[in-house]
Amino acid sequence: MKLIPNLSIQPGLSLQNKGGKINFYDLINAIDFTKVEGDFEIAGQDINLEDVEGAEILKDFEPTVSTLYIEVPINFVYYIPAGNGTVLLGAGPYAAYGVSTRTKFQDYNES
């Protein structure tokens, strides 16, 4: 939809899958243990924060998180004539709605 010459609005609709792995071992090793008190539990295992070796149990524990979103972008696109073609510059906001989230845990004892 053209607003003025060389500027238009480009609405859209997309389904996006986002996610990643969480490495608790690296996360725990990054904690400043002098500022943390007590113990906690991850994957049913008690972790003693006073014993840095307690984090060893999490070495192979990497849950995978996958989230599905419906996104509705509204881009403003500026057209710049360039020889035989056109250069497009676009930017704009979007709204998103989370449709589902899936977390997959692998037992740290599995090989």
Protein backbone atom coordinates (compact mmCIF):
# COMPACT_ATOMS: atom_id res chain seq x y z
CA MET A 1 0.00 0.00 0.00
CA LYS A 2 1.66 3.20 -1.17
CA LEU A 3 1.56 6.14 1.23
CA ILE A 4 3.54 8.62 -0.86
CA PRO A 5 5.86 8.17 -3.85
CA ASN A 6 8.72 5.82 -2.88
CA LEU A 7 7.19 4.93 0.53
CA SER A 8 4.74 2.14 1.27
CA ILE A 9 3.45 -0.03 4.10
CA GLN A 10 4.00 -3.77 3.80
CA PRO A 11 1.95 -5.84 6.27
CA GLY A 12 2.65 -9.53 6.76
CA LEU A 13 1.84 -12.70 8.65
CA SER A 14 4.36 -15.40 9.55
CA LEU A 15 4.78 -18.47 11.70
CA GLN A 16 8.15 -18.43 13.48
CA ASN A 17 9.89 -21.21 15.42
CA LYS A 18 12.48 -19.98 17.93
CA GLY A 19 14.49 -21.79 20.55
CA GLY A 20 17.80 -23.10 21.73
CA LYS A 21 19.69 -25.20 24.25
CA ILE A 22 20.43 -24.25 27.85
CA ASN A 23 23.74 -25.43 29.28
CA PHE A 24 23.27 -25.42 33.07
CA TYR A 25 26.85 -26.56 33.69
CA ASP A 26 28.30 -23.41 32.11
CA LEU A 27 25.63 -21.30 33.80
CA ILE A 28 26.42 -22.68 37.25
CA ASN A 29 30.16 -22.30 36.71
CA ALA A 30 29.55 -18.62 35.91
CA ILE A 31 27.82 -18.04 39.28
CA ASP A 32 29.77 -16.15 41.94
CA PHE A 33 29.34 -18.73 44.73
CA THR A 34 30.41 -16.23 47.38
CA LYS A 35 27.09 -14.40 46.92
CA VAL A 36 24.78 -17.47 46.87
CA GLU A 37 23.53 -19.29 49.98
CA GLY A 38 22.00 -22.73 50.31
CA ASP A 39 21.29 -25.55 47.86
CA PHE A 40 18.89 -26.03 44.96
CA GLU A 41 17.59 -28.81 42.74
CA ILE A 42 17.79 -29.28 38.97
CA ALA A 43 16.36 -32.33 37.20
CA GLY A 44 15.68 -34.03 40.52
CA GLN A 45 19.31 -33.72 41.65
CA ASP A 46 20.30 -31.67 44.71
CA ILE A 47 23.11 -29.27 43.90
CA ASN A 48 25.29 -28.04 46.76
CA LEU A 49 26.49 -24.60 45.78
CA GLU A 50 29.30 -24.67 48.32
CA ASP A 51 30.79 -27.60 46.43
CA VAL A 52 31.59 -26.40 42.90
CA GLU A 53 32.10 -30.05 41.93
CA GLY A 54 28.34 -30.47 42.55
CA ALA A 55 27.85 -28.89 39.14
CA GLU A 56 29.60 -31.83 37.45
CA ILE A 57 26.30 -33.76 37.51
CA LEU A 58 24.90 -31.20 35.06
CA LYS A 59 27.72 -31.48 32.52
CA ASP A 60 25.59 -33.34 29.95
CA PHE A 61 22.22 -31.87 30.95
CA GLU A 62 21.12 -29.55 28.11
CA PRO A 63 17.36 -29.10 27.79
CA THR A 64 16.11 -27.90 24.39
CA VAL A 65 13.41 -25.23 24.29
CA SER A 66 11.31 -24.62 21.15
CA THR A 67 8.66 -21.89 20.94
CA LEU A 68 6.21 -21.24 18.09
CA TYR A 69 4.93 -17.69 17.42
CA ILE A 70 2.48 -16.07 15.02
CA GLU A 71 4.01 -12.72 14.02
CA VAL A 72 2.30 -9.79 12.32
CA PRO A 73 4.89 -7.28 11.06
CA ILE A 74 4.05 -3.84 9.67
CA ASN A 75 7.04 -2.67 7.66
CA PHE A 76 7.57 0.77 6.19
CA VAL A 77 9.47 0.32 2.92
CA TYR A 78 11.32 3.13 1.12
CA TYR A 79 12.19 2.56 -2.56
CA ILE A 80 15.35 4.12 -4.00
CA PRO A 81 15.77 3.88 -7.79
CA ALA A 82 19.24 2.53 -8.64
CA GLY A 83 20.12 2.05 -12.30
CA ASN A 84 18.09 -0.87 -13.69
CA GLY A 85 16.79 -1.90 -10.25
CA THR A 86 15.59 -0.58 -6.94
CA VAL A 87 17.14 -0.49 -3.47
CA LEU A 88 14.64 -1.20 -0.69
CA LEU A 89 15.04 0.05 2.88
CA GLY A 90 12.52 -1.33 5.33
CA ALA A 91 11.83 -1.22 9.06
CA GLY A 92 8.89 -1.42 11.38
CA PRO A 93 7.27 -2.96 14.44
CA TYR A 94 5.59 -6.33 14.80
CA ALA A 95 3.19 -7.99 17.19
CA ALA A 96 3.60 -11.64 18.18
CA TYR A 97 1.47 -14.26 19.90
CA GLY A 98 3.03 -17.36 21.45
CA VAL A 99 1.21 -20.43 20.12
CA SER A 100 3.16 -23.21 21.86
CA THR A 101 6.30 -24.00 23.82
CA ARG A 102 8.01 -27.37 24.01
CA THR A 103 10.85 -28.27 26.33
CA LYS A 104 12.75 -31.51 25.81
CA PHE A 105 14.84 -32.87 28.66
CA GLN A 106 17.47 -35.56 28.19
CA ASP A 107 18.40 -37.51 31.29
CA TYR A 108 22.00 -36.71 32.19
CA ASN A 109 22.63 -40.46 32.69
CA GLU A 110 21.68 -41.29 29.08
CA SER A 111 24.51 -41.83 26.64
